[in-house]
Structure formats: structure tokens, C-alpha cells
Amino acid sequence: MAKARRFVLVVNFQIRGTTRLMGIIGDPIAQAKSPAAINPLFAACGADIAFVPFHVPASDLFTIWAGLKAVPNLVGFGITLPHKQTAIELCDSVDPVAARVGAVNLVRRERDGSFRGYQFDGRGFVGGLQSKGIAIEGRDVLIIGAGGAAAAIAFALAEAGAASIKISNRTVEKAEAIAESVNKGFKREIAKAGTPEPEAAQLVVNATSLGLRDSDVLPLDAELLQPGMTLAEVIAEPETTRILGMAQAKGVEIHSGIHMITGQARLIVDHICEIWG
């Protein structure tokens, strides 16, 4: 049965010859929810900017990056998987948060025309949790995955007062690298690499792309989830992934990845409009 598609009607918005563009790049890109979250915010603040998706295969990133930079009315773009860590090397400069995390999820064209990388994933994720009243301070955390989003979330949760953070990844060295970076950044032993086995009352975060498709393997054993835990996603489409559905059926508190998008949408719009609004 075909899935129903949701459309967002943006009132009082017209594409003109003066309209500037903002994009989001990724592969795949059909799942992107940022355009639906950000276009209404641009319209509401009167910014003549349209936010559109760009399908950018990993093999073509360098070529397309050069093309994006050559478009004068492109004011910036969001970055989703699998480009968040690769893109940091292509930016002309990066802000301190992105440099610490080692990944970017937003590029803004600066006043001098250069591309500067920024990182809003962590703040967006924490903001999404807080908007739903989900506890972070003093709580143990398990993060599945060791990509750019996982690193950003680990730093942000540590800053928000998490008691401990365990990072699990198939490539253990990547999990260890994030844990070491977090510990160094906060000058204490808060993070470590470990197995994808949740413990009682933990905040469990799926920071992988597993769940974009129903055929994906599960990011962790659903049988280990139990009431008292919170299972949070970074995947926004589908809003309820298979593992979230299974967790909910077991009485586990769940948190969709859509809240990470809405949690950072206003931050991104304000940041772009600081120069281009």
C-alpha cells in the first residue's frame, strides 16, 4: 500500500528573480524533512529564500560542491548523511563547535563568499528532547553509531548534564575516537566505547541510518528494551521507525527524529538570516 505524502503549504511565498536559494545535500535525499520545517520559517520572517533538496551522491560530492560555490545566489545548505564528516574538509573554515565534533551539518556562505561549516545537530537533538520533557541531566546514555550526528549528539548530551555516555559502533575504533574526543573536551571521563546493550532507565539513541527502510536490520536487539528507558531516533522519515514501533509496543518511551529537525530549524533560519535575511 502506498504511503500518504504530507505537503506543507507556505502562504505568501513566491519564487522571484531575486529569490536566494538554500539547499540540503545528501544521498539519499527523499527522506529529508528540513524543507518542510524551514521554508515556513523563512516565509514568516519575510526572507526571500527558498529551501530545496539536492541529491548529491558521495562519488560526486567534490564536483557538486564546486558547482554550489559557483552559484552566487546560493546562501548555504544543510548536510545530511553520508556527507557530514567528509564535508568538513571541503569548507573554507569551520566554527569551533563543528571543529570539536569533527562534522558539519550546515554550510553558510559568508559575506566574503567563503563557505563556513557549522554544527547544529547536537543542539537540535537536545532541544527536541527538552521540548518533550525528556530527562537528560544525571542520566546514563547509550548511543548507537559513530558518524557525524553521533559525535554531535554525544558532545551536546555531555554538555546538557548526562551522567555517562556509552558509544557503540561496528567499527570500535570510531566509537573510541568519539569517546576520547568527548572526554578531552570536557576534561573528565564521561564517555566510553561499548556494546549495543541498553541498561535500565537509559536514554538510548539510534544515531545510525538503520531504519530509513523497513528492510534495514535493527540497530539493536529490541528484546533488550524495557519500560523506564527512552529510545530516541535521529531518523525523521519515517517518523516512527520499525525499532521505535517495537519499543512503543513494549511500553518504552519513544522520541522521533523529527524533533531533532524542529529543534534546530529556528536556529538555522536565524543563522542564515543574520547575513542573508
Protein backbone atom coordinates (compact mmCIF):
# COMPACT_ATOMS: atom_id res chain seq x y z
CA MET A 1 0.00 0.00 0.00
CA ALA A 2 1.45 3.37 -0.99
CA LYS A 3 2.35 5.73 1.85
CA ALA A 4 0.44 9.00 2.02
CA ARG A 5 2.61 12.03 1.36
CA ARG A 6 2.36 15.15 3.50
CA PHE A 7 2.74 18.56 1.93
CA VAL A 8 3.37 21.89 3.63
CA LEU A 9 1.55 24.91 2.22
CA VAL A 10 3.69 28.03 2.56
CA VAL A 11 1.43 31.09 2.39
CA ASN A 12 2.52 34.40 0.84
CA PHE A 13 5.67 32.95 -0.70
CA GLN A 14 6.70 33.48 -4.30
CA ILE A 15 9.78 32.47 -6.26
CA ARG A 16 11.14 35.60 -7.90
CA GLY A 17 14.24 36.55 -9.82
CA THR A 18 15.56 37.96 -6.55
CA THR A 19 14.97 34.78 -4.55
CA ARG A 20 18.05 33.31 -2.92
CA LEU A 21 18.47 29.57 -2.54
CA MET A 22 19.36 27.34 0.34
CA GLY A 23 19.69 23.60 -0.08
CA ILE A 24 20.22 20.36 1.76
CA ILE A 25 22.59 17.77 0.31
CA GLY A 26 22.54 14.04 0.94
CA ASP A 27 22.31 10.55 -0.52
CA PRO A 28 19.52 9.51 -0.32
CA ILE A 29 17.60 12.77 -0.02
CA ALA A 30 13.92 11.82 -0.45
CA GLN A 31 13.58 11.39 3.33
CA ALA A 32 14.64 14.97 4.10
CA LYS A 33 12.18 16.83 6.33
CA SER A 34 14.17 20.08 6.60
CA PRO A 35 12.49 21.84 3.63
CA ALA A 36 9.06 21.40 5.22
CA ALA A 37 10.34 22.70 8.55
CA ILE A 38 12.42 25.63 7.30
CA ASN A 39 10.53 27.12 4.34
CA PRO A 40 7.59 28.30 6.52
CA LEU A 41 10.07 29.94 8.91
CA PHE A 42 11.78 31.83 6.08
CA ALA A 43 8.36 32.95 4.83
CA ALA A 44 7.23 34.01 8.30
CA CYS A 45 10.22 36.28 8.81
CA GLY A 46 9.93 37.76 5.30
CA ALA A 47 13.17 36.29 3.98
CA ASP A 48 13.25 35.89 0.18
CA ILE A 49 14.92 32.48 0.45
CA ALA A 50 13.73 29.08 -0.82
CA PHE A 51 15.00 25.87 0.78
CA VAL A 52 15.29 22.90 -1.63
CA PRO A 53 16.75 19.36 -1.57
CA PHE A 54 19.79 18.40 -3.67
CA HIS A 55 20.53 14.73 -4.30
CA VAL A 56 24.33 14.51 -4.05
CA PRO A 57 25.84 11.02 -4.38
CA ALA A 58 29.01 10.54 -2.36
CA SER A 59 31.04 9.90 -5.52
CA ASP A 60 30.04 13.33 -6.89
CA LEU A 61 30.39 15.42 -3.72
CA PHE A 62 33.59 17.22 -4.74
CA THR A 63 32.28 18.13 -8.19
CA ILE A 64 28.89 19.31 -6.93
CA TRP A 65 30.49 21.25 -4.07
CA ALA A 66 32.44 23.32 -6.59
CA GLY A 67 29.23 23.90 -8.54
CA LEU A 68 27.35 25.04 -5.43
CA LYS A 69 30.08 27.51 -4.58
CA ALA A 70 29.86 28.96 -8.09
CA VAL A 71 26.15 29.81 -7.70
CA PRO A 72 26.12 33.41 -6.37
CA ASN A 73 22.56 33.37 -5.01
CA LEU A 74 23.07 30.17 -3.01
CA VAL A 75 23.34 31.32 0.62
CA GLY A 76 24.11 27.94 2.16
CA PHE A 77 22.98 24.36 2.58
CA GLY A 78 22.27 21.73 5.17
CA ILE A 79 24.19 18.47 5.12
CA THR A 80 22.80 15.03 5.86
CA LEU A 81 24.19 11.52 5.50
CA PRO A 82 26.68 10.49 4.30
CA HIS A 83 28.49 13.82 3.91
CA LYS A 84 28.74 15.35 7.40
CA GLN A 85 32.29 14.26 8.12
CA THR A 86 33.66 14.46 4.56
CA ALA A 87 32.30 17.99 4.10
CA ILE A 88 34.38 19.43 6.92
CA GLU A 89 37.47 19.05 4.75
CA LEU A 90 35.82 20.99 1.90
CA CYS A 91 34.81 24.03 3.96
CA ASP A 92 36.96 27.14 3.76
CA SER A 93 36.61 27.44 7.54
CA VAL A 94 34.63 25.81 10.37
CA ASP A 95 33.31 27.19 13.61
CA PRO A 96 34.69 25.85 16.92
CA VAL A 97 31.71 23.56 17.63
CA ALA A 98 31.99 21.85 14.23
CA ALA A 99 35.76 21.56 14.62
CA ARG A 100 35.37 19.93 18.05
CA VAL A 101 32.74 17.49 16.79
CA GLY A 102 34.57 16.74 13.54
CA ALA A 103 31.47 17.10 11.37
CA VAL A 104 29.29 19.82 9.85
CA ASN A 105 25.55 19.83 9.17
CA LEU A 106 25.25 23.39 7.86
CA VAL A 107 27.34 25.45 5.46
CA ARG A 108 26.76 29.19 5.23
CA ARG A 109 28.13 31.46 2.54
CA GLU A 110 29.85 34.22 4.45
CA ARG A 111 29.96 37.88 3.43
CA ASP A 112 33.27 37.33 1.62
CA GLY A 113 31.79 34.45 -0.41
CA SER A 114 33.59 31.69 1.50
CA PHE A 115 31.88 28.52 2.76
CA ARG A 116 32.00 28.13 6.56
CA GLY A 117 30.84 24.95 8.27
CA TYR A 118 28.66 24.86 11.37
CA GLN A 119 27.13 22.18 13.58
CA PHE A 120 23.55 22.31 14.89
CA ASP A 121 22.70 18.58 15.19
CA GLY A 122 23.61 18.30 18.85
CA ARG A 123 21.76 21.44 19.93
CA GLY A 124 18.77 20.42 17.82
CA PHE A 125 18.68 16.94 19.31
CA VAL A 126 18.90 18.20 22.89
CA GLY A 127 16.33 20.91 22.17
CA GLY A 128 13.97 18.28 20.78
CA LEU A 129 14.30 16.15 23.92
CA GLN A 130 13.77 19.13 26.19
CA SER A 131 10.68 20.24 24.24
CA LYS A 132 9.10 16.88 25.09
CA GLY A 133 10.15 16.92 28.74
CA ILE A 134 12.60 14.02 28.37
CA ALA A 135 15.22 13.95 31.13
CA ILE A 136 18.93 14.26 30.25
CA GLU A 137 20.68 15.58 33.36
CA GLY A 138 22.11 12.82 35.52
CA ARG A 139 21.06 10.12 33.06
CA ASP A 140 23.12 7.33 31.51
CA VAL A 141 23.12 7.32 27.71
CA LEU A 142 23.75 4.70 25.03
CA ILE A 143 24.45 5.99 21.51
CA ILE A 144 24.35 3.55 18.61
CA GLY A 145 26.55 4.76 15.74
CA ALA A 146 29.74 6.80 15.39
CA GLY A 147 29.09 9.15 12.47
CA GLY A 148 28.82 12.92 12.43
CA ALA A 149 25.38 13.03 14.09
CA ALA A 150 26.50 10.63 16.84
CA ALA A 151 29.54 12.78 17.63
CA ALA A 152 27.48 15.98 17.75
CA ILE A 153 24.86 14.36 19.99
CA ALA A 154 27.50 12.94 22.34
CA PHE A 155 29.01 16.38 22.91
CA ALA A 156 25.61 18.03 23.34
CA LEU A 157 24.34 15.43 25.82
CA ALA A 158 27.53 15.73 27.85
CA GLU A 159 27.06 19.49 27.92
CA ALA A 160 23.40 19.02 28.97
CA GLY A 161 24.47 17.04 32.04
CA ALA A 162 24.31 13.36 31.06
CA ALA A 163 25.94 11.19 33.75
CA SER A 164 27.67 8.81 31.32
CA ILE A 165 27.73 8.13 27.59
CA LYS A 166 28.43 4.73 26.03
CA ILE A 167 29.02 4.72 22.27
CA SER A 168 28.59 1.53 20.28
CA ASN A 169 29.63 1.04 16.66
CA ARG A 170 30.55 -1.86 14.40
CA THR A 171 33.94 -0.22 13.90
CA VAL A 172 35.01 0.02 17.52
CA GLU A 173 37.85 2.42 16.74
CA LYS A 174 35.37 5.08 15.59
CA ALA A 175 33.40 4.80 18.83
CA GLU A 176 36.61 5.01 20.84
CA ALA A 177 37.67 8.12 18.91
CA ILE A 178 34.42 9.94 19.74
CA ALA A 179 34.62 8.91 23.39
CA GLU A 180 38.22 10.12 23.63
CA SER A 181 37.30 13.42 21.98
CA VAL A 182 34.36 13.99 24.36
CA ASN A 183 36.47 13.16 27.41
CA LYS A 184 39.20 15.50 26.24
CA GLY A 185 36.70 18.28 25.53
CA PHE A 186 35.07 18.06 28.96
CA LYS A 187 38.27 17.16 30.83
CA ARG A 188 36.66 14.17 32.56
CA GLU A 189 35.94 10.52 31.87
CA ILE A 190 32.28 10.68 30.86
CA ALA A 191 32.29 8.67 27.61
CA LYS A 192 33.48 5.22 26.59
CA ALA A 193 33.04 2.70 23.77
CA GLY A 194 30.91 -0.34 24.49
CA THR A 195 28.37 -2.89 23.31
CA PRO A 196 24.88 -2.01 21.98
CA GLU A 197 23.17 -3.40 25.08
CA PRO A 198 20.88 -0.91 26.87
CA GLU A 199 20.68 -0.78 30.65
CA ALA A 200 17.79 0.10 32.95
CA ALA A 201 16.47 3.68 32.67
CA GLN A 202 18.95 4.63 29.95
CA LEU A 203 18.39 7.15 27.19
CA VAL A 204 19.12 5.07 24.07
CA VAL A 205 19.86 6.93 20.83
CA ASN A 206 19.87 5.38 17.37
CA ALA A 207 22.28 7.70 15.57
CA THR A 208 22.67 5.40 12.55
CA SER A 209 20.80 5.39 9.24
CA LEU A 210 19.32 1.96 10.05
CA GLY A 211 15.57 2.47 9.91
CA LEU A 212 15.28 4.56 6.77
CA ARG A 213 13.96 1.42 5.08
CA ASP A 214 11.72 -1.26 6.56
CA SER A 215 14.15 -3.86 5.25
CA ASP A 216 17.06 -2.47 7.33
CA VAL A 217 18.43 -4.63 10.12
CA LEU A 218 17.59 -3.32 13.58
CA PRO A 219 20.23 -1.10 15.17
CA LEU A 220 19.94 -3.08 18.44
CA ASP A 221 18.11 -6.06 19.90
CA ALA A 222 14.57 -4.86 20.62
CA GLU A 223 14.16 -7.60 23.24
CA LEU A 224 16.61 -5.73 25.47
CA LEU A 225 14.41 -2.63 25.62
CA GLN A 226 12.19 -2.24 28.67
CA PRO A 227 9.89 0.33 30.31
CA GLY A 228 11.79 3.10 32.05
CA MET A 229 14.10 3.54 29.07
CA THR A 230 13.74 6.18 26.37
CA LEU A 231 14.52 5.26 22.76
CA ALA A 232 15.31 8.29 20.60
CA GLU A 233 15.91 8.42 16.84
CA VAL A 234 17.78 10.75 14.52
CA ILE A 235 15.75 9.44 11.56
CA ALA A 236 12.86 11.76 10.75
CA GLU A 237 11.31 9.78 7.87
CA PRO A 238 9.60 7.56 8.69
CA GLU A 239 8.66 9.41 11.86
CA THR A 240 8.10 6.08 13.61
CA THR A 241 10.82 3.66 12.53
CA ARG A 242 10.44 -0.07 12.96
CA ILE A 243 12.55 -0.10 16.14
CA LEU A 244 10.51 2.80 17.59
CA GLY A 245 7.30 0.90 16.89
CA MET A 246 8.64 -2.22 18.59
CA ALA A 247 9.83 -0.22 21.58
CA GLN A 248 6.49 1.54 21.95
CA ALA A 249 4.69 -1.81 21.94
CA LYS A 250 6.84 -2.83 24.93
CA GLY A 251 5.93 0.30 26.91
CA VAL A 252 9.19 2.13 26.22
CA GLU A 253 9.08 5.93 25.89
CA ILE A 254 9.94 6.84 22.27
CA HIS A 255 11.18 10.02 20.62
CA SER A 256 11.10 10.53 16.84
CA GLY A 257 13.95 12.04 14.85
CA ILE A 258 11.55 14.70 13.56
CA HIS A 259 12.13 16.54 16.85
CA MET A 260 15.83 16.96 16.05
CA ILE A 261 14.78 18.71 12.83
CA THR A 262 12.29 21.03 14.51
CA GLY A 263 14.72 21.58 17.37
CA GLN A 264 17.29 23.16 15.09
CA ALA A 265 15.13 24.69 12.33
CA ARG A 266 14.76 28.08 14.03
CA LEU A 267 18.46 28.14 14.95
CA ILE A 268 19.41 27.54 11.31
CA VAL A 269 16.98 30.13 9.92
CA ASP A 270 18.24 32.77 12.37
CA HIS A 271 21.84 31.91 11.50
CA ILE A 272 21.26 32.24 7.74
CA CYS A 273 19.19 35.40 8.10
CA GLU A 274 21.92 37.00 10.19
CA ILE A 275 23.63 37.69 6.85
CA TRP A 276 21.09 36.93 4.11
CA GLY A 277 17.68 37.75 5.61
